[in-house]
Amino acid sequence: MKMTRQHFLAGLAALMTSVALPAAAADWPDGPVTMIVPWGAGGGTDATARMIGSILEEQIGVPVPVQNRTGGSGVIGHAGIADAAPDGQTIGVATLEIGTMHHLGLTELDYTGYTPLGLYNADPAAIFVQDKSDYATISDLLTALNAASDGEMKGSGSAQGGVNHLALAGMLMAAGMPASRVTWVPSEGAAPGLQDLAAGGVAVATASLPEAAALMEAGLIRPLAVFSNDRLDIAPDVPTFTEATGHEFALGSWRGLVAPAGLDPAVADKITAALGAVVSDPRYTEFMAQRGYAMQWTTGADFEAFMTASDDRLGETLKAVGLASE
C-alpha cells in the first residue's frame, strides 16, 4: 500500500504520542496517592492538605488519603515523605521547619531530600504591639529598641527557635541590632504569645495576620509592619518592614507540596499539572481566602530556589540566636 502524506503524519503523531511520556508517567497514578502531613489534624497545614487532597482525587481519579505523621518537631512526617519510594504514589506537605530541623541538630534531612512540586502558601510574619501602645509606627519601635539595653524589652509568639522567634530576631539583625536586644518569652504557638501581648506581659509579638485576626478585631493589638516583599491584600494599610524602614527583611511560614527525591521528571510534571488545576479551583481559592491564607503557586526550580534561600536565611538566624548545632 502506498503511504500517503496523511498516513505518514498520522503515524508520526502516534509515534510522538507514544514517546511523549515515559512508561512511569503514563502509568501514574498506579493506585491511591498518599499525602503525608507532618503536623497534627485540625491545624492549618492539615486543613489545607485535606482540601487539596479532596480536589486532587477528582483530578486524577484515585483516592488521596491524608496521613498525619507527627512527632520530633516535624522530623517524623518530613522523613516519611523523603523515605518513601520515588514513584509518585507518595507526596506530602513540606513546611518551613525543613529549613530549621537540621540546623537545630534534630536530623540530617533538608530540602535536598525532595522533588519540589509546588509552593502553595506563604504567610509572612508581622510584628504587633498593644493597641494602646505609644509606638505608632515600626520606626518608633526601632528607635525605642535602639535606645534600650539588651533584654530590656520582651517578645513572644512561638517556641524558642520557632518561625515567629526567628522573625523577630531577623528583624533586629536587619536593623543592625543584636538578636539579644529583645528577650524572647517562649509560648506554645502564636495564640498564647499574642494573648500575652494583649495582657501586657510582653512589649511585642510576632505572628501571621490570620493568627492575630481575633485579637485585632477585638481592638487589643495592632500590626506595625509585615515581613513580606509586598503589602498583603488582607491588610493593604499595613506597610512592609522594608518599605517602612529601608531595611531588607522578609520571613514567614510556608507550605509546599513535595515528593521524594529521585522522582522521574515526567511524573513530577504530571503531578504538578494536576496540582496546578487544584490550586486554581474556585473551591480551593474560596477556602484559602475565607481563612486568610496567602495564595501562590511556585513550581519546579523556582520552588527549589525558594527552599534554598529559606534554608540559608534560617540557618543564619538560628546561629545568631545561639540555637544552631553546627
Foldseek 3Di string as FASTA:
>chain_A
DDQDPVNVVVVVVVVCVVPVFPPLQVCPPVAAAEEEEADDPPDPQNVLVVLLQVLLCVLRVHHYHYHHRYDLPSVRRVVVQLPDDQSRSYKYKDKLCLLVCVQLVSDVGHPLQWFFQKWWFWFFKFKKAWLPDPDPAPVSVVVVLVVADFQPFEEEFAAVLDQFLLQQQQLQVLVPHFSRSYHYDHDHGRQVRVVCRLVPVGGMYMDGCLSCVVVVVVRTMDTRATQDPAADPVCNPHHHPCVVPVGRGIGTMTMGMIGGPPHDVSNSVVVSVSSVVSCVDPVSVVVCVVSVTDTDIDGGPRVVVVSVVSSVSSSVSCVSVPSGPD
